[in-house]
Amino acid sequence: MASGLVVHLEVAGERHTELLTHERIRIGTREDCDLRLRPEALPSANGNILLLELTRTNGHYRVADFDTALALTHNGNPIERGATVEDGDRVSSGDDEAQALTLQFFPVEAPATIATAGRRADPLVAPFIEHAAIEAAATARRDDAKVFLREFTRELVREISWSTKVVALLIALALVGGTLYLGFAAFEELKRSRRRIEEQNAQIALLNQQVRESQDQFAGVRQTNEDIINSLSLAPKLRSEYGNGVCLISGLYVFVETGTGRPLRYPGSQSQSSPDPTAVPPDAEQETTFLTPDGDGPVAEFPYVGTGFHVGGGYIVTNRHVAAEPWSADERAMVFGSSVAGRPRITKLVAYFPGRAQGYTLKVRQVSRRDDLAVAQIDPAENLGSVPTLPLDGDESVAATVGKAVVLMGYPSGPDRILASLPEEQAAEIKQRYGASLDVLVSRLAELKVLKPLLTQGHITDLETRRIVYDARTGQGGSGAPLFGQSGRVIGVNFAVFVEIADANFAVPIRYALPLLERAGWKNPAPQTPSAAGKDNQKETKPADAGQSR
């Protein structure tokens, strides 16, 4: 049974709620309306109107009258007189939703908010509800739900006894204190856990440091073992990888008459006796006085051998006294040069690689005046194919330090050593048929593919500004041989031996050959900057080969 009606009004985005308890409720813009609306709430109406009139009949509010000009709807249907207003019913006016006026009704039943006092016929409304309704009606922007809740809270607080409030306060204090205590205990435990974690992290860092130190020690031991193993296995490895890139250089030079350029010849009687052109006659000093560019005797030729190595692009590194001035290290040339009015000239310079039957003609590209170095190049028309390129270690590598192991790869003693490695019968036959000419003998050995460089091992005994001193053995024909360091790369070029101490040989550091190579047109994929030049001192030295292989 409805004893009142809560009306919720929405218009143009504005909302407010009112509680009405009259038997007859008028809603409109007239002054006699119970719920008076502002004229702007009904823009389509003119003057004072009665929007809606509700009457309470048999405990229910019903529609008694309404303005037919406003096209009111009741729950979406046209409104009718006598229609009962139920809980949540909506009455709207206008088609524009943004400007439409909407009334929503909530009947208030007597048990919830109204009590009967004795025999009074008028309903008794709870004071806090009445106060809330009055305050809501007087508020410009009303929110009855908040007002109701606030007044309800005030009334509830007034109804609670002081003892209950004290107990509740104590319980709240106990809860807050317990929460603070637990929070403080958790904070302290977190600090202790954090300290333990920091201590554990410090211990872990210390252990990691010890592990790293142990790893460094193991790495040092492993490196030492690898150095020992590499020093023992370096020679076989180098032979396998770079042996075919070390060539035997066979050369030939003659003396020519100054001015005319005609080669000097032996007297005619020499051709009849078929002398060995590789040997100087016992009476050479007397015979050379008869050398002349005229006559029908054989040309006085001086064959010799040396060593070189391929550094890529057909470029060969060797000694100056192998590729450009072989007479400077040839005792025969010294004898002839002192008694013959002529100058020497190279007539043939050929490189023979292991495993290749043909020789490759060399052309000298660069010669060093300070160091015993020269750069030659194979005729571009020739095809080297798979001849390996020896790697160069031109920087200040740790491989070029005193005490480090070195390997020398060359052709000491020239064809004689190669013949000594063959079966005795085969060597005797080859020497008998081709031994009269050194050049022919080397060419034949190349055709048989028996050329093979000799490897000797040793250690660096001293380092000078422009020389590496080492004790790996070599001999005549080993000039120009590559000297390998423990890095597996070439660190020097063999050029001389110390005449008074056995196994004391000299090599020019390879970094001094790099400028010659660059000037010759050699392209290095990893350019190396040569070190500053030092003072050259080659006293009491002798070239590693004496020119002719015997």
Foldseek 3Di string as FASTA:
>chain_A
DFQWKKKWKDFLRAIAIAIGRDQKAWEWCDPPGPHHDDCQLPVPDDDTDTAFMWGADPNWIWTADGDPVFQKAKQNHGDDGGHTQAQQIKIWTDDDPNGIMIMTMHGDDCVPAWDDDPPDPDTDGDPLLVVLNVVQVPDPRHDSVVSSVVSVVVVVVVPDDPVVVVVVVVVVVVVVVVVVVVVVVVVVVVVVVVVVVVVVVVVVVVVVVVVVVVVVVVVVVVVVVVLVVLLVCVVVVLCVAAFQQKWKKKWKKFWAAPPPRQGWFWAQVCVVVVDQLADQDPVNLVRLLPTDSDDDGHGNMHMFIAMWGAADPQKIKFFCCRPPNVLVQAPSSVSNVVNDNTGMDIDFIWIFGFPALDIFGWDWQDHDPQGRMTMIGTDPVDDPPPNDHFAADQDPDPLQDFFFKKKWWWQFLHVVVLLVVDPVVVSVVLCVVQVSDPVSSVSVCSNVSSDTIDMFMWTFHDDDQFKTWIQTDGAARHGQIFMDTSVRGGQFGWWWAQPPDHSTTITGGCNVCLVVCVVSPDDDPDDDHHDDHDDDDDPRIHTRHSGHRD
